[in-house]
Amino acid sequence: MPLHPRTCNHLSMESKFTLHFLFIFTFFLFQITLPGQGTSTSDCQGLSISAEVTPACIAGSNGQLKLVIEQGLPPYRVKWDDGSTKVIRKVSAGSYQVQITDALGCHGVGTFKVPSYSPIQVSIQVNHTSKPGKSNGAITLHITGGQPPYYYSWISSDPSAVSGVSPDVNQLRKLPSGKYKIVVFDAARCYKEIETEVK
């Protein structure tokens, strides 16, 4: 029997970063929700399958599918198209199909799409030092896309140049010459790395 699609808002935030970047997450422990879409069908009256869907970062596997099985008779057997039997899964963006069988042998099939967050786009402006030995260079970042607000981790070949920089700062002045790496995080914990050089 055809069932109506369900759209749910939910977020589970989970990603893995190096210890160097972990400090930044203390500044945004909150949730971002985006809708997920799915459809399901069942050959037994009453067995219903839906899913709570969390989008994934571009090229990431931090999206989430959480099945919601209603009616039917538990326990339920879960089998995804790739062989997984989990009710909650961490996945990349894409379409996923699941088969559910309840204790009476009733079968249900659900197909759900995990969207991706919009990519973080970074435009960078570099002002070089006026002459060797001077610390009057500057780096300014302009960010679009992703899920605002944005946060930054600054890394330099000269650690003193970025010591104590607040994670909400997108511009640094009075910089010496050297190489700089900036990791831009958004509220969904997606990130983008940029490297540049002040000469």
Protein backbone atom coordinates (compact mmCIF):
# COMPACT_ATOMS: atom_id res chain seq x y z
CA MET A 1 0.00 0.00 0.00
CA PRO A 2 1.55 3.38 -0.95
CA LEU A 3 2.48 5.55 1.98
CA HIS A 4 2.89 9.29 2.15
CA PRO A 5 6.41 10.75 2.11
CA ARG A 6 7.59 12.22 5.36
CA THR A 7 9.92 15.12 5.89
CA CYS A 8 11.63 15.50 9.23
CA ASN A 9 14.03 18.00 10.75
CA HIS A 10 16.79 16.55 12.85
CA LEU A 11 20.43 16.93 13.35
CA SER A 12 23.15 14.89 14.84
CA MET A 13 26.48 16.61 14.70
CA GLU A 14 29.47 14.32 14.56
CA SER A 15 32.77 14.61 12.74
CA LYS A 16 36.41 13.79 13.25
CA PHE A 17 39.13 16.41 13.24
CA THR A 18 42.69 16.51 14.46
CA LEU A 19 43.28 17.63 18.02
CA HIS A 20 44.69 20.84 16.63
CA PHE A 21 41.21 21.93 15.59
CA LEU A 22 39.10 20.55 18.44
CA PHE A 23 39.19 23.77 20.42
CA ILE A 24 37.10 25.54 17.84
CA PHE A 25 33.98 23.49 18.45
CA THR A 26 33.51 24.92 21.93
CA PHE A 27 32.27 28.08 20.25
CA PHE A 28 29.26 26.57 18.50
CA LEU A 29 27.58 23.74 20.32
CA PHE A 30 24.20 24.15 18.70
CA GLN A 31 22.11 22.45 16.06
CA ILE A 32 21.42 23.02 12.38
CA THR A 33 18.36 21.37 10.86
CA LEU A 34 17.53 20.84 7.22
CA PRO A 35 14.71 18.77 5.72
CA GLY A 36 15.23 15.23 4.46
CA GLN A 37 12.97 13.42 2.01
CA GLY A 38 11.92 9.81 1.61
CA THR A 39 9.18 7.48 0.42
CA SER A 40 8.11 4.05 1.57
CA THR A 41 5.79 1.23 0.58
CA SER A 42 4.54 -1.85 2.41
CA ASP A 43 2.80 -5.11 1.45
CA CYS A 44 1.08 -5.33 4.87
CA GLN A 45 -1.46 -2.85 6.09
CA GLY A 46 -0.14 -0.72 8.91
CA LEU A 47 3.63 -1.24 8.49
CA SER A 48 5.08 2.23 7.99
CA ILE A 49 8.68 3.32 7.35
CA SER A 50 10.02 6.86 7.53
CA ALA A 51 13.39 8.36 8.35
CA GLU A 52 14.88 11.37 10.10
CA VAL A 53 17.55 12.71 7.76
CA THR A 54 20.57 14.91 8.50
CA PRO A 55 22.45 16.33 5.47
CA ALA A 56 26.13 15.53 4.89
CA CYS A 57 29.07 17.82 4.27
CA ILE A 58 30.42 17.90 0.72
CA ALA A 59 32.69 14.85 0.27
CA GLY A 60 31.94 13.87 3.87
CA SER A 61 30.21 10.91 5.51
CA ASN A 62 28.62 12.72 8.43
CA GLY A 63 25.04 12.68 7.16
CA GLN A 64 22.61 10.60 9.15
CA LEU A 65 19.64 8.34 8.45
CA LYS A 66 17.55 7.31 11.44
CA LEU A 67 14.71 4.92 10.64
CA VAL A 68 11.30 5.37 12.21
CA ILE A 69 9.26 2.15 11.97
CA GLU A 70 5.62 2.29 13.00
CA GLN A 71 2.88 -0.29 13.24
CA GLY A 72 3.68 -3.85 12.25
CA LEU A 73 4.89 -6.29 14.89
CA PRO A 74 8.41 -6.03 16.35
CA PRO A 75 11.11 -7.19 16.33
CA TYR A 76 11.99 -5.77 12.93
CA ARG A 77 14.73 -6.95 10.60
CA VAL A 78 16.52 -4.12 8.79
CA LYS A 79 18.53 -4.53 5.59
CA TRP A 80 19.92 -1.63 3.58
CA ASP A 81 20.92 -1.95 -0.08
CA ASP A 82 24.60 -2.15 0.90
CA GLY A 83 23.99 -4.88 3.47
CA SER A 84 23.96 -2.70 6.59
CA THR A 85 21.45 -3.69 9.28
CA LYS A 86 21.64 -0.53 11.39
CA VAL A 87 18.62 1.62 12.33
CA ILE A 88 20.86 4.72 12.58
CA ARG A 89 23.58 5.22 9.98
CA LYS A 90 26.29 7.76 9.19
CA VAL A 91 26.37 8.27 5.43
CA SER A 92 27.47 10.55 2.62
CA ALA A 93 25.00 12.42 0.41
CA GLY A 94 22.98 10.14 -1.89
CA SER A 95 19.96 7.84 -2.11
CA TYR A 96 19.53 4.80 0.11
CA GLN A 97 17.01 1.96 0.07
CA VAL A 98 16.03 -0.19 3.04
CA GLN A 99 13.90 -3.31 3.46
CA ILE A 100 12.03 -3.95 6.70
CA THR A 101 10.51 -7.27 7.77
CA ASP A 102 8.43 -7.53 10.92
CA ALA A 103 7.76 -10.57 13.13
CA LEU A 104 4.75 -11.57 11.00
CA GLY A 105 6.80 -11.57 7.80
CA CYS A 106 5.32 -8.33 6.49
CA HIS A 107 7.74 -6.47 4.23
CA GLY A 108 8.28 -2.75 3.75
CA VAL A 109 10.65 -0.90 1.43
CA GLY A 110 11.80 2.68 1.96
CA THR A 111 13.95 4.90 -0.26
CA PHE A 112 15.47 7.99 1.30
CA LYS A 113 17.66 10.79 -0.02
CA VAL A 114 20.40 12.40 2.06
CA PRO A 115 21.13 15.90 0.72
CA SER A 116 24.43 17.74 1.10
CA TYR A 117 25.02 21.12 2.69
CA SER A 118 26.04 23.86 0.29
CA PRO A 119 29.84 24.00 -0.04
CA ILE A 120 31.90 26.60 1.79
CA GLN A 121 33.32 29.12 -0.70
CA VAL A 122 36.36 31.18 0.30
CA SER A 123 37.75 34.30 -1.35
CA ILE A 124 41.11 35.37 0.07
CA GLN A 125 42.87 38.73 -0.11
CA VAL A 126 46.58 38.94 0.76
CA ASN A 127 48.55 42.15 1.37
CA HIS A 128 52.29 41.48 1.31
CA THR A 129 54.84 43.14 3.57
CA SER A 130 56.36 46.42 2.43
CA LYS A 131 59.89 45.02 2.70
CA PRO A 132 61.72 42.01 4.18
CA GLY A 133 61.67 41.92 7.96
CA LYS A 134 58.56 44.08 8.27
CA SER A 135 55.40 42.71 9.95
CA ASN A 136 52.80 44.70 8.06
CA GLY A 137 51.23 42.04 5.85
CA ALA A 138 47.54 41.12 6.05
CA ILE A 139 45.14 38.30 5.16
CA THR A 140 41.39 38.82 4.76
CA LEU A 141 38.87 36.03 4.15
CA HIS A 142 35.44 36.46 2.54
CA ILE A 143 33.14 33.45 3.06
CA THR A 144 29.93 32.42 1.32
CA GLY A 145 27.95 29.18 1.20
CA GLY A 146 27.95 26.61 3.97
CA GLN A 147 25.94 27.23 7.12
CA PRO A 148 26.79 30.51 8.88
CA PRO A 149 28.21 31.51 11.30
CA TYR A 150 31.78 30.68 10.37
CA TYR A 151 34.81 30.01 12.57
CA TYR A 152 38.49 29.90 11.77
CA SER A 153 41.66 28.10 12.82
CA TRP A 154 44.82 29.98 11.85
CA ILE A 155 48.14 28.14 11.45
CA SER A 156 51.45 29.72 10.48
CA SER A 157 55.05 28.74 9.84
CA ASP A 158 55.68 31.40 12.51
CA PRO A 159 53.36 30.36 15.38
CA SER A 160 53.78 33.70 17.15
CA ALA A 161 52.07 35.43 14.20
CA VAL A 162 48.74 33.74 14.98
CA SER A 163 49.08 33.15 18.71
CA GLY A 164 45.88 33.85 20.64
CA VAL A 165 43.77 34.65 17.56
CA SER A 166 40.05 34.35 18.32
CA PRO A 167 38.21 31.73 16.20
CA ASP A 168 35.67 34.32 14.99
CA VAL A 169 38.36 36.49 13.37
CA ASN A 170 38.43 36.39 9.57
CA GLN A 171 41.17 38.99 9.10
CA LEU A 172 44.72 39.27 10.43
CA ARG A 173 46.97 42.32 10.14
CA LYS A 174 50.58 43.08 11.11
CA LEU A 175 51.71 39.74 9.75
CA PRO A 176 55.31 38.83 8.96
CA SER A 177 56.17 37.07 5.73
CA GLY A 178 55.54 33.34 5.79
CA LYS A 179 53.13 30.58 4.88
CA TYR A 180 49.65 30.46 6.42
CA LYS A 181 46.98 27.79 6.56
CA ILE A 182 43.40 28.60 7.52
CA VAL A 183 40.66 26.08 8.22
CA VAL A 184 37.15 27.53 7.88
CA PHE A 185 34.40 25.77 9.84
CA ASP A 186 30.67 26.39 9.50
CA ALA A 187 27.82 25.76 11.93
CA ALA A 188 27.21 22.28 10.46
CA ARG A 189 30.84 21.39 11.25
CA CYS A 190 31.73 21.20 7.60
CA TYR A 191 35.12 22.72 6.84
CA LYS A 192 37.41 23.94 4.10
CA GLU A 193 41.19 24.37 4.20
CA ILE A 194 43.02 27.23 2.50
CA GLU A 195 46.74 27.87 2.19
CA THR A 196 48.39 31.14 1.24
CA GLU A 197 51.67 33.03 1.66
CA VAL A 198 52.55 36.53 2.76
CA LYS A 199 55.73 37.69 1.02
